[in-house]
Protein backbone atom coordinates (compact mmCIF):
# COMPACT_ATOMS: atom_id res chain seq x y z
CA MET A 1 3.59 -69.56 33.05
CA THR A 2 4.23 -71.91 30.52
CA PRO A 3 5.32 -75.51 31.64
CA PRO A 4 8.56 -76.88 30.54
CA LEU A 5 8.67 -79.79 28.30
CA LEU A 6 5.94 -82.14 29.92
CA THR A 7 6.46 -85.95 30.61
CA PRO A 8 3.90 -87.97 32.00
CA ASP A 9 6.20 -88.36 35.16
CA LEU A 10 6.26 -84.51 35.70
CA LEU A 11 2.45 -84.65 34.99
CA LEU A 12 1.83 -87.08 37.60
CA ARG A 13 4.60 -84.77 39.79
CA ALA A 14 2.28 -82.04 39.22
CA TYR A 15 -1.50 -83.63 39.86
CA ALA A 16 0.54 -84.81 43.49
CA ALA A 17 1.52 -80.69 44.05
CA GLY A 18 -2.06 -79.67 43.22
CA ILE A 19 -1.25 -78.19 39.89
CA PHE A 20 -2.35 -79.09 36.55
CA PRO A 21 -1.85 -77.68 32.65
CA MET A 22 -4.05 -76.46 30.27
CA SER A 23 -4.36 -75.22 26.90
CA GLU A 24 -6.06 -72.48 25.60
CA SER A 25 -7.34 -74.08 22.85
CA ARG A 26 -7.08 -77.15 20.86
CA SER A 27 -4.58 -75.25 17.63
CA SER A 28 -2.53 -73.65 20.66
CA PRO A 29 1.09 -75.07 21.17
CA SER A 30 1.35 -73.34 24.49
CA LEU A 31 0.41 -75.31 28.17
CA HIS A 32 -0.37 -73.28 31.34
CA TRP A 33 0.00 -74.20 34.90
CA ILE A 34 -3.29 -73.82 36.87
CA ASP A 35 -3.76 -73.43 40.58
CA PRO A 36 -7.02 -72.54 41.09
CA HIS A 37 -8.30 -70.37 44.09
CA TRP A 38 -11.23 -72.47 44.31
CA ARG A 39 -11.24 -76.04 43.57
CA GLY A 40 -14.72 -78.16 42.64
CA VAL A 41 -14.52 -81.60 43.90
CA VAL A 42 -17.69 -84.01 43.77
CA PRO A 43 -17.54 -85.74 48.15
CA LEU A 44 -17.87 -89.91 46.99
CA ASP A 45 -20.73 -89.52 49.84
CA GLY A 46 -22.64 -86.88 48.32
CA PHE A 47 -23.31 -87.57 44.94
CA HIS A 48 -26.90 -86.75 44.13
CA ILE A 49 -28.86 -88.95 41.98
CA SER A 50 -32.29 -87.21 40.92
CA ARG A 51 -35.37 -88.89 41.10
CA SER A 52 -35.15 -88.87 37.02
CA LEU A 53 -31.70 -89.85 36.88
CA ALA A 54 -32.85 -92.78 38.99
CA ARG A 55 -35.13 -93.88 36.44
CA ARG A 56 -32.70 -93.18 33.46
CA LEU A 57 -30.48 -95.51 35.44
CA ARG A 58 -33.21 -98.47 35.96
CA ARG A 59 -33.85 -98.78 32.38
CA ALA A 60 -30.59 -100.18 31.63
CA ASP A 61 -30.86 -99.99 27.88
CA TYR A 62 -26.67 -98.98 27.86
CA THR A 63 -23.54 -101.01 29.09
CA ILE A 64 -20.91 -99.53 30.95
CA ARG A 65 -17.66 -100.40 29.99
CA CYS A 66 -13.57 -99.09 31.50
CA ASP A 67 -10.63 -98.41 29.12
CA ALA A 68 -12.72 -100.05 26.44
CA ASP A 69 -11.98 -97.33 24.24
CA PHE A 70 -9.90 -94.60 26.20
CA THR A 71 -8.92 -93.06 23.30
CA GLY A 72 -12.49 -92.53 22.17
CA THR A 73 -13.37 -90.77 25.20
CA VAL A 74 -10.73 -88.48 25.01
CA ALA A 75 -11.53 -87.60 21.44
CA GLY A 76 -14.72 -87.58 22.37
CA CYS A 77 -14.01 -84.62 25.00
CA ALA A 78 -11.95 -82.93 22.74
CA GLY A 79 -14.08 -83.17 20.08
CA ARG A 80 -16.46 -80.16 21.24
CA GLU A 81 -15.97 -76.60 19.10
CA GLU A 82 -13.57 -75.28 22.30
CA THR A 83 -11.65 -77.40 24.20
CA TRP A 84 -8.49 -76.93 26.37
CA ILE A 85 -7.42 -80.30 25.24
CA ASN A 86 -4.52 -79.55 22.62
CA ASP A 87 -2.40 -82.59 20.98
CA THR A 88 0.31 -82.31 23.39
CA LEU A 89 -2.32 -82.73 26.60
CA PHE A 90 -3.77 -85.80 24.10
CA GLY A 91 -0.55 -87.72 23.79
CA LEU A 92 0.00 -87.21 27.53
CA TYR A 93 -3.15 -88.71 28.17
CA LEU A 94 -2.38 -91.73 26.00
CA ASP A 95 1.07 -92.21 27.63
CA LEU A 96 -0.52 -92.28 30.67
CA HIS A 97 -3.38 -94.55 30.16
CA GLY A 98 -0.61 -96.51 28.82
CA MET A 99 1.26 -96.49 32.42
CA GLY A 100 -1.89 -97.34 34.15
CA PHE A 101 -2.89 -93.86 35.60
CA ALA A 102 -5.40 -92.71 33.41
CA HIS A 103 -8.82 -94.47 33.23
CA SER A 104 -12.34 -93.86 30.79
CA LEU A 105 -15.38 -94.73 32.12
CA GLU A 106 -17.90 -94.71 29.23
CA VAL A 107 -21.44 -95.87 28.42
CA TRP A 108 -22.34 -97.54 25.22
CA GLU A 109 -25.64 -97.66 23.76
CA ASP A 110 -26.35 -100.58 21.31
CA GLY A 111 -22.53 -100.90 20.74
CA VAL A 112 -21.59 -97.45 19.87
CA LEU A 113 -19.67 -94.94 22.77
CA THR A 114 -22.76 -92.44 23.51
CA GLY A 115 -20.88 -90.37 26.48
CA GLY A 116 -17.95 -91.11 29.16
CA VAL A 117 -15.70 -89.87 31.65
CA PHE A 118 -11.59 -89.87 31.64
CA GLY A 119 -9.22 -88.91 34.16
CA ILE A 120 -6.01 -89.58 36.39
CA ALA A 121 -6.06 -92.32 39.17
CA LEU A 122 -3.37 -91.68 41.56
CA ARG A 123 -3.17 -93.66 44.76
CA GLY A 124 -6.64 -92.58 46.70
CA ALA A 125 -6.83 -89.60 44.47
CA PHE A 126 -9.11 -89.33 41.13
CA PHE A 127 -8.28 -86.35 38.93
CA GLY A 128 -11.76 -86.06 36.41
CA GLU A 129 -10.82 -84.43 33.61
CA SER A 130 -13.46 -84.05 31.32
CA MET A 131 -16.61 -85.52 29.97
CA PHE A 132 -18.90 -85.72 26.92
CA SER A 133 -21.73 -87.09 25.90
CA ARG A 134 -23.38 -87.72 22.60
CA GLN A 135 -27.33 -89.24 24.09
CA ARG A 136 -29.36 -86.95 26.89
CA ASP A 137 -27.85 -87.70 29.89
CA ALA A 138 -24.95 -90.44 29.09
CA SER A 139 -22.36 -87.80 31.21
CA LYS A 140 -24.80 -88.23 34.24
CA ILE A 141 -25.19 -91.99 33.36
CA ALA A 142 -20.97 -92.11 33.70
CA LEU A 143 -20.52 -90.22 36.30
CA ALA A 144 -22.91 -91.98 39.10
CA TYR A 145 -21.34 -95.08 37.83
CA LEU A 146 -17.81 -93.47 38.64
CA VAL A 147 -18.42 -92.54 42.01
CA ASP A 148 -19.60 -95.76 42.50
CA ARG A 149 -16.75 -97.24 41.41
CA LEU A 150 -14.76 -94.50 43.34
CA ARG A 151 -15.99 -95.49 46.74
CA GLU A 152 -15.92 -98.92 46.42
CA GLY A 153 -12.53 -98.78 45.09
CA GLY A 154 -11.36 -96.78 48.36
CA PHE A 155 -10.72 -93.52 46.75
CA ARG A 156 -11.27 -90.64 49.32
CA LEU A 157 -10.78 -87.63 46.27
CA PHE A 158 -12.57 -87.17 43.32
CA ASP A 159 -11.35 -83.56 41.81
CA THR A 160 -13.41 -81.97 39.08
CA GLN A 161 -11.03 -79.00 38.50
CA PHE A 162 -13.27 -76.48 38.36
CA ILE A 163 -17.43 -76.50 39.11
CA SER A 164 -20.03 -76.31 36.14
CA ALA A 165 -24.34 -76.15 37.02
CA HIS A 166 -24.31 -79.29 35.72
CA LEU A 167 -21.90 -80.84 38.42
CA GLN A 168 -23.54 -78.76 41.06
CA SER A 169 -26.68 -80.19 40.30
CA LEU A 170 -25.10 -83.54 40.83
CA GLY A 171 -23.49 -82.62 44.62
CA ALA A 172 -20.27 -81.37 43.41
CA GLU A 173 -18.90 -78.24 45.58
CA GLU A 174 -16.03 -75.74 45.52
CA ILE A 175 -13.75 -75.50 48.27
CA SER A 176 -10.79 -73.41 49.01
CA ARG A 177 -6.71 -74.10 47.39
CA ALA A 178 -6.05 -74.98 51.50
CA ALA A 179 -8.61 -77.12 51.94
CA TYR A 180 -7.86 -79.23 48.86
CA ARG A 181 -4.47 -79.22 49.54
CA ARG A 182 -5.75 -81.17 52.59
CA ARG A 183 -7.92 -83.47 51.50
CA LEU A 184 -5.04 -84.23 48.56
CA GLU A 185 -2.84 -84.97 50.84
CA ASN A 186 -5.25 -87.44 52.58
CA ALA A 187 -6.05 -89.37 49.73
CA LEU A 188 -2.24 -89.31 48.16
CA ALA A 189 -1.82 -91.15 52.00
CA VAL A 190 -3.98 -94.54 50.79
CA GLU A 191 -3.91 -96.57 48.02
CA ALA A 192 -7.03 -97.19 46.27
CA ASP A 193 -7.83 -99.62 43.13
CA PHE A 194 -9.97 -98.10 40.16
CA PHE A 195 -10.71 -101.93 38.99
CA ARG A 196 -12.00 -103.43 42.67
CA LEU A 197 -14.91 -103.18 41.35
CA LYS A 198 -15.79 -105.67 39.11
CA GLY A 199 -17.72 -105.40 35.92
CA GLN A 200 -21.25 -103.44 36.13
CA PRO A 201 -23.13 -103.35 39.00
CA PRO A 202 -26.76 -103.83 38.93
CA PRO A 203 -28.43 -99.83 38.27
CA GLN A 204 -30.29 -100.37 41.92
CA GLU A 205 -26.87 -101.22 43.60
CA VAL A 206 -25.40 -98.06 42.46
CA ILE A 207 -28.75 -96.20 43.30
CA GLN A 208 -28.74 -97.65 46.60
CA ARG A 209 -25.32 -97.06 47.49
CA ASN A 210 -25.46 -93.90 46.61
CA THR A 211 -28.50 -93.49 49.00
CA GLN A 212 -27.14 -94.65 51.68
CA THR A 213 -23.99 -92.92 51.82
CA SER A 214 -25.63 -89.32 50.96
């Protein structure tokens, strides 16, 4: 089913109802509503930091920024050979960012954007859209800091839409549509703040907070 002319407000209502749009490819002009039978989520109290990732985090040869280059982050996610982010969705994400709903968490090394993740924050739910990595482990670093930020900000749900082996290795799980709708309803009933956590916490704090809650 092709969505009607999408607006940022309609897109937010769709997320609140548990559905989201995707395109078949970068060049496809059409969008389709997606309502998976099984949904990928990252439990905010169950993100898995492996020993190798912990070592990588402790090296701290990177800088974490939020919304410093939202456009560049979306472009990085859409820059792979196959993508579901067409021009329409790209524009909508920029609109939602301007409205304060869409955010990026970025990994910078030597002044260069090397990885990141972006998504939509709606009350206590964060809908992760996509991530990218130009350096080894950059997307894992971004996810570790994002989960920490969401947990500290009072979020209840981190929706990844689908699950992959990469996400599963970090603690993501699949839940049924019915279970997802219940979690979504609970998340939308609370307020959360993406920027409650100020600045970039030291890596050891991120690791310790995850260890205490996992």
